[in-house]
Amino acid sequence: MGYGYNPIVGENWRYNPEKTFKISRSKIELFYNCATCFYKDVKLGLRKPPMPGWAINSAVDDLLKKEMDFCRTQDRPHGIFKENGLNIKPFQHKDIEKWQHTFTGIQYHDEEHDFLLYGGVDDIMIDEDDKLVVIDFKATAKKADILSYTDVYNNGESYKRQLEIYSWLLKKNNFDVSDTGYLMYYNGDASKPHLGREMHFRRTLVPFELDTTWISPLIQKMFDCLQLEEAPDYNLDCPDCIYLKTVSEL
C-alpha cells in the first residue's frame, strides 16, 4: 500500500530473548484475543495496517486532561464525580504526565520473563481511603444514555480489561489500588434541533469492578507463545485469522 507503509517492522521492534522486551497494554489485549496474531506481530514483526485517527475522541481526551489538571492544582474533585456523589480527586504525583504518555506509561519490569510491561493511562484519581482509582476517557454518540457496563458495546469487556491492566501495573509499583475503576463517557447529543457552533455532550460515569488475577497467568502464556518456533494455527474465532486463511485458500 502507499504512504510509505511497511507491514514488516525492524529487528529492534521484534521479540528478542536476549534483551528486555517492551510489551504495551494493547499487545496484552492482542494476545488475549488471538495468540496467532500476537505471535505474527511481536515475533515475526508483521503489523496490521494502522487504524485511522479519531480526531473527536482525541479532542475530548485533551480537554478532559486539561480539566483534570486544573482540578489537580486545586486539589478538588472534578464535577462528574460530584454529580455522582463521589469524593474522588486527581492523584498528585511527579510521574503523572509520564504515566499518561502513550510510549512510556506506567511501567513494570517482569524480571522472570524479562518483559517491560507498560500502558498509558488517561488519568488516576485518589479516593477517601487513599486508594488509587483508574479512569479512562471515552467519547461516542449514542441515543441512549450510557449509565452502566450493560450500555457499553459487548458489556465493556475490553474496556474493563484495559482498566484492570492499568490497575495491575500500579499494584506492581506498590500502590494501593481500588477494586473499582471508571469510564468517563462523553456522549454526543444528536437530539438538538441543529448543530450550530458547538457540539453538546451528555457526561456519565460508568463503574467497573476490577479483577487483576488473570493478568500474571496470561503473561506466562505470552512468554510460552514467544518461545514457539512457528506461529500457532489460525484462530477461527479471530476475524483477521479467518480473513488470512480464506485468502490463502483462494
Protein backbone atom coordinates (compact mmCIF):
# COMPACT_ATOMS: atom_id res chain seq x y z
CA MET A 1 0.00 0.00 0.00
CA GLY A 2 1.01 3.61 -0.31
CA TYR A 3 2.01 6.33 2.19
CA GLY A 4 5.33 4.57 2.90
CA TYR A 5 3.66 1.84 4.96
CA ASN A 6 5.76 -1.28 5.56
CA PRO A 7 3.97 -4.20 7.28
CA ILE A 8 7.27 -5.72 8.45
CA VAL A 9 8.91 -3.86 11.34
CA GLY A 10 12.63 -3.83 12.08
CA GLU A 11 14.51 -6.19 14.37
CA ASN A 12 14.52 -3.69 17.23
CA TRP A 13 10.72 -3.92 17.42
CA ARG A 14 10.55 -7.72 17.44
CA TYR A 15 10.89 -10.07 20.37
CA ASN A 16 14.50 -10.94 21.17
CA PRO A 17 15.01 -13.26 24.16
CA GLU A 18 18.46 -11.75 24.74
CA LYS A 19 17.07 -8.27 25.52
CA THR A 20 14.39 -6.79 27.73
CA PHE A 21 11.29 -6.60 25.55
CA LYS A 22 8.66 -3.86 25.87
CA ILE A 23 5.06 -5.03 25.75
CA SER A 24 2.29 -2.45 25.73
CA ARG A 25 -1.19 -2.75 27.16
CA SER A 26 -2.55 -3.06 23.63
CA LYS A 27 -0.22 -6.00 22.90
CA ILE A 28 -1.53 -7.77 26.02
CA GLU A 29 -5.05 -7.23 24.67
CA LEU A 30 -3.93 -8.55 21.27
CA PHE A 31 -2.70 -11.78 22.86
CA TYR A 32 -5.88 -12.08 24.94
CA ASN A 33 -7.90 -12.03 21.70
CA CYS A 34 -5.60 -14.08 19.46
CA ALA A 35 -2.25 -15.78 20.18
CA THR A 36 -1.66 -16.24 16.43
CA CYS A 37 -1.95 -12.53 15.63
CA PHE A 38 0.19 -11.73 18.67
CA TYR A 39 2.95 -14.10 17.54
CA LYS A 40 2.95 -12.71 13.99
CA ASP A 41 3.08 -9.16 15.31
CA VAL A 42 5.58 -9.49 18.16
CA LYS A 43 7.90 -12.27 16.97
CA LEU A 44 7.66 -12.08 13.18
CA GLY A 45 7.17 -8.32 13.05
CA LEU A 46 4.09 -8.47 10.80
CA ARG A 47 1.99 -5.48 11.81
CA LYS A 48 -1.57 -4.78 10.74
CA PRO A 49 -2.26 -1.59 8.75
CA PRO A 50 -2.71 1.35 11.15
CA MET A 51 -6.20 2.45 12.12
CA PRO A 52 -7.33 5.97 11.23
CA GLY A 53 -7.12 8.58 13.96
CA TRP A 54 -10.21 9.53 15.94
CA ALA A 55 -9.96 13.32 16.00
CA ILE A 56 -13.11 13.98 18.08
CA ASN A 57 -12.10 11.40 20.68
CA SER A 58 -8.60 12.87 20.87
CA ALA A 59 -10.05 16.37 21.34
CA VAL A 60 -12.28 15.14 24.19
CA ASP A 61 -9.26 13.43 25.81
CA ASP A 62 -7.15 16.58 25.56
CA LEU A 63 -9.85 18.81 27.04
CA LEU A 64 -10.61 16.38 29.86
CA LYS A 65 -6.94 16.19 30.78
CA LYS A 66 -6.87 19.99 30.98
CA GLU A 67 -9.92 19.92 33.26
CA MET A 68 -8.39 17.22 35.45
CA ASP A 69 -5.10 19.10 35.71
CA PHE A 70 -7.00 22.23 36.77
CA CYS A 71 -8.77 20.20 39.49
CA ARG A 72 -5.41 18.73 40.46
CA THR A 73 -3.94 22.19 41.06
CA GLN A 74 -6.92 22.99 43.31
CA ASP A 75 -6.91 19.57 45.00
CA ARG A 76 -10.63 19.03 44.40
CA PRO A 77 -12.89 16.51 42.61
CA HIS A 78 -13.91 17.01 39.01
CA GLY A 79 -17.59 17.92 38.54
CA ILE A 80 -18.52 14.50 37.17
CA PHE A 81 -17.56 12.88 40.48
CA LYS A 82 -19.54 15.44 42.46
CA GLU A 83 -22.57 14.68 40.27
CA ASN A 84 -22.23 11.02 41.24
CA GLY A 85 -21.74 11.69 44.96
CA LEU A 86 -18.08 10.64 44.95
CA ASN A 87 -15.23 12.38 46.75
CA ILE A 88 -12.54 11.28 44.31
CA LYS A 89 -9.77 13.76 43.48
CA PRO A 90 -6.99 13.75 40.88
CA PHE A 91 -3.90 12.00 42.25
CA GLN A 92 -0.89 14.22 42.86
CA HIS A 93 2.35 12.57 41.71
CA LYS A 94 5.51 13.72 39.97
CA ASP A 95 5.19 10.96 37.32
CA ILE A 96 1.57 11.57 36.34
CA GLU A 97 2.50 13.00 32.92
CA LYS A 98 4.84 10.09 32.25
CA TRP A 99 2.10 7.61 33.21
CA GLN A 100 -0.27 9.32 30.77
CA HIS A 101 2.17 9.23 27.85
CA THR A 102 1.49 6.57 25.21
CA PHE A 103 5.12 5.49 24.82
CA THR A 104 6.16 5.48 28.47
CA GLY A 105 3.07 4.94 30.62
CA ILE A 106 3.02 3.09 33.92
CA GLN A 107 5.85 0.55 33.72
CA TYR A 108 6.73 -2.72 35.41
CA HIS A 109 9.79 -4.86 34.68
CA ASP A 110 8.83 -8.52 34.90
CA GLU A 111 12.28 -9.95 35.59
CA GLU A 112 11.17 -13.59 35.32
CA HIS A 113 10.30 -13.16 31.64
CA ASP A 114 12.37 -10.00 31.01
CA PHE A 115 9.32 -8.07 29.81
CA LEU A 116 8.90 -4.34 30.35
CA LEU A 117 5.12 -4.08 30.56
CA TYR A 118 3.54 -0.63 30.24
CA GLY A 119 0.38 1.29 29.47
CA GLY A 120 -0.52 4.97 29.10
CA VAL A 121 -3.46 5.72 31.39
CA ASP A 122 -5.86 8.62 30.83
CA ASP A 123 -5.82 9.67 34.49
CA ILE A 124 -5.59 8.45 38.07
CA MET A 125 -7.73 9.63 40.97
CA ILE A 126 -7.44 9.01 44.72
CA ASP A 127 -10.43 8.17 46.91
CA GLU A 128 -11.30 8.82 50.56
CA ASP A 129 -9.47 5.63 51.59
CA ASP A 130 -6.26 6.82 49.90
CA LYS A 131 -6.60 4.17 47.21
CA LEU A 132 -5.78 4.98 43.60
CA VAL A 133 -8.67 4.88 41.13
CA VAL A 134 -8.03 4.29 37.43
CA ILE A 135 -10.04 6.41 34.98
CA ASP A 136 -10.39 6.10 31.22
CA PHE A 137 -12.00 8.73 28.98
CA LYS A 138 -14.42 7.64 26.25
CA ALA A 139 -16.28 9.62 23.61
CA THR A 140 -19.12 8.33 21.45
CA ALA A 141 -22.54 9.27 20.07
CA LYS A 142 -25.49 7.10 21.12
CA LYS A 143 -29.14 7.97 21.52
CA ALA A 144 -29.39 6.11 24.83
CA ASP A 145 -27.62 7.24 27.99
CA ILE A 146 -24.58 5.20 29.00
CA LEU A 147 -25.13 4.51 32.68
CA SER A 148 -23.67 1.04 33.30
CA TYR A 149 -21.45 -1.56 31.64
CA THR A 150 -24.57 -3.10 30.03
CA ASP A 151 -24.92 0.09 27.95
CA VAL A 152 -21.38 -0.34 26.56
CA TYR A 153 -20.58 -2.49 23.50
CA ASN A 154 -20.06 -6.14 24.50
CA ASN A 155 -20.71 -5.16 28.13
CA GLY A 156 -17.48 -3.14 28.04
CA GLU A 157 -15.33 -6.29 28.43
CA SER A 158 -12.31 -4.93 26.54
CA TYR A 159 -12.52 -1.60 28.41
CA LYS A 160 -12.73 -3.49 31.71
CA ARG A 161 -9.52 -5.36 30.83
CA GLN A 162 -7.93 -2.02 29.96
CA LEU A 163 -8.72 -0.64 33.42
CA GLU A 164 -7.53 -3.88 35.02
CA ILE A 165 -4.14 -3.77 33.30
CA TYR A 166 -3.53 -0.19 34.45
CA SER A 167 -4.57 -1.18 37.98
CA TRP A 168 -2.26 -4.21 37.90
CA LEU A 169 0.67 -2.06 36.77
CA LEU A 170 0.07 0.36 39.64
CA LYS A 171 -0.13 -2.52 42.11
CA LYS A 172 3.18 -3.85 40.78
CA ASN A 173 4.61 -0.41 41.59
CA ASN A 174 3.48 -0.90 45.21
CA PHE A 175 0.47 1.41 45.13
CA ASP A 176 -2.75 0.64 46.96
CA VAL A 177 -5.39 0.50 44.20
CA SER A 178 -9.19 0.47 44.39
CA ASP A 179 -11.10 -2.53 43.02
CA THR A 180 -13.40 -0.07 41.24
CA GLY A 181 -12.39 1.74 38.06
CA TYR A 182 -14.42 4.13 35.91
CA LEU A 183 -15.09 5.05 32.31
CA MET A 184 -15.88 8.74 31.90
CA TYR A 185 -18.26 8.80 28.95
CA TYR A 186 -18.93 11.91 26.88
CA ASN A 187 -21.85 11.04 24.63
CA GLY A 188 -22.54 13.29 21.65
CA ASP A 189 -26.12 14.59 21.76
CA ALA A 190 -27.78 14.46 18.34
CA SER A 191 -31.23 15.36 19.71
CA LYS A 192 -30.61 19.10 19.35
CA PRO A 193 -32.53 20.88 16.54
CA HIS A 194 -29.26 21.96 14.89
CA LEU A 195 -25.50 21.80 15.41
CA GLY A 196 -24.64 25.49 15.40
CA ARG A 197 -21.11 26.22 16.54
CA GLU A 198 -20.93 23.75 19.41
CA MET A 199 -21.32 20.01 19.88
CA HIS A 200 -23.19 19.12 23.08
CA PHE A 201 -22.30 16.07 25.14
CA ARG A 202 -24.00 14.17 27.97
CA ARG A 203 -21.46 13.02 30.52
CA THR A 204 -21.83 9.90 32.63
CA LEU A 205 -19.62 7.81 34.87
CA VAL A 206 -19.62 4.03 34.35
CA PRO A 207 -18.15 1.95 37.22
CA PHE A 208 -16.43 -1.42 36.75
CA GLU A 209 -15.48 -3.88 39.46
CA LEU A 210 -11.95 -4.93 38.58
CA ASP A 211 -10.21 -8.31 38.82
CA THR A 212 -6.49 -8.40 38.02
CA THR A 213 -5.87 -12.09 38.87
CA TRP A 214 -5.97 -13.16 35.21
CA ILE A 215 -3.03 -10.97 34.13
CA SER A 216 0.00 -12.78 35.59
CA PRO A 217 -1.08 -16.21 34.19
CA LEU A 218 -1.68 -14.57 30.81
CA ILE A 219 1.84 -13.11 30.81
CA GLN A 220 3.25 -16.60 31.36
CA LYS A 221 1.22 -17.81 28.37
CA MET A 222 2.53 -14.88 26.30
CA PHE A 223 6.09 -15.86 27.17
CA ASP A 224 5.44 -19.51 26.27
CA CYS A 225 3.93 -18.45 22.96
CA LEU A 226 7.03 -16.44 22.05
CA GLN A 227 9.23 -19.48 22.61
CA LEU A 228 7.48 -21.38 19.79
CA GLU A 229 9.39 -21.96 16.55
CA GLU A 230 6.27 -21.39 14.44
CA ALA A 231 3.11 -19.33 14.80
CA PRO A 232 0.09 -21.08 16.33
CA ASP A 233 -2.55 -22.33 13.88
CA TYR A 234 -5.18 -19.95 12.58
CA ASN A 235 -7.66 -18.98 15.28
CA LEU A 236 -11.13 -19.42 13.79
CA ASP A 237 -12.59 -17.15 16.47
CA CYS A 238 -10.44 -14.29 15.14
CA PRO A 239 -11.74 -12.25 12.15
CA ASP A 240 -8.19 -11.46 10.98
CA CYS A 241 -7.18 -15.13 11.05
CA ILE A 242 -10.33 -16.12 9.15
CA TYR A 243 -9.56 -13.47 6.52
CA LEU A 244 -5.94 -14.59 6.08
CA LYS A 245 -6.93 -18.26 5.95
CA THR A 246 -9.57 -17.52 3.32
CA VAL A 247 -7.09 -15.51 1.23
CA SER A 248 -4.53 -18.35 1.40
CA GLU A 249 -7.17 -20.81 0.15
CA LEU A 250 -8.35 -18.71 -2.79
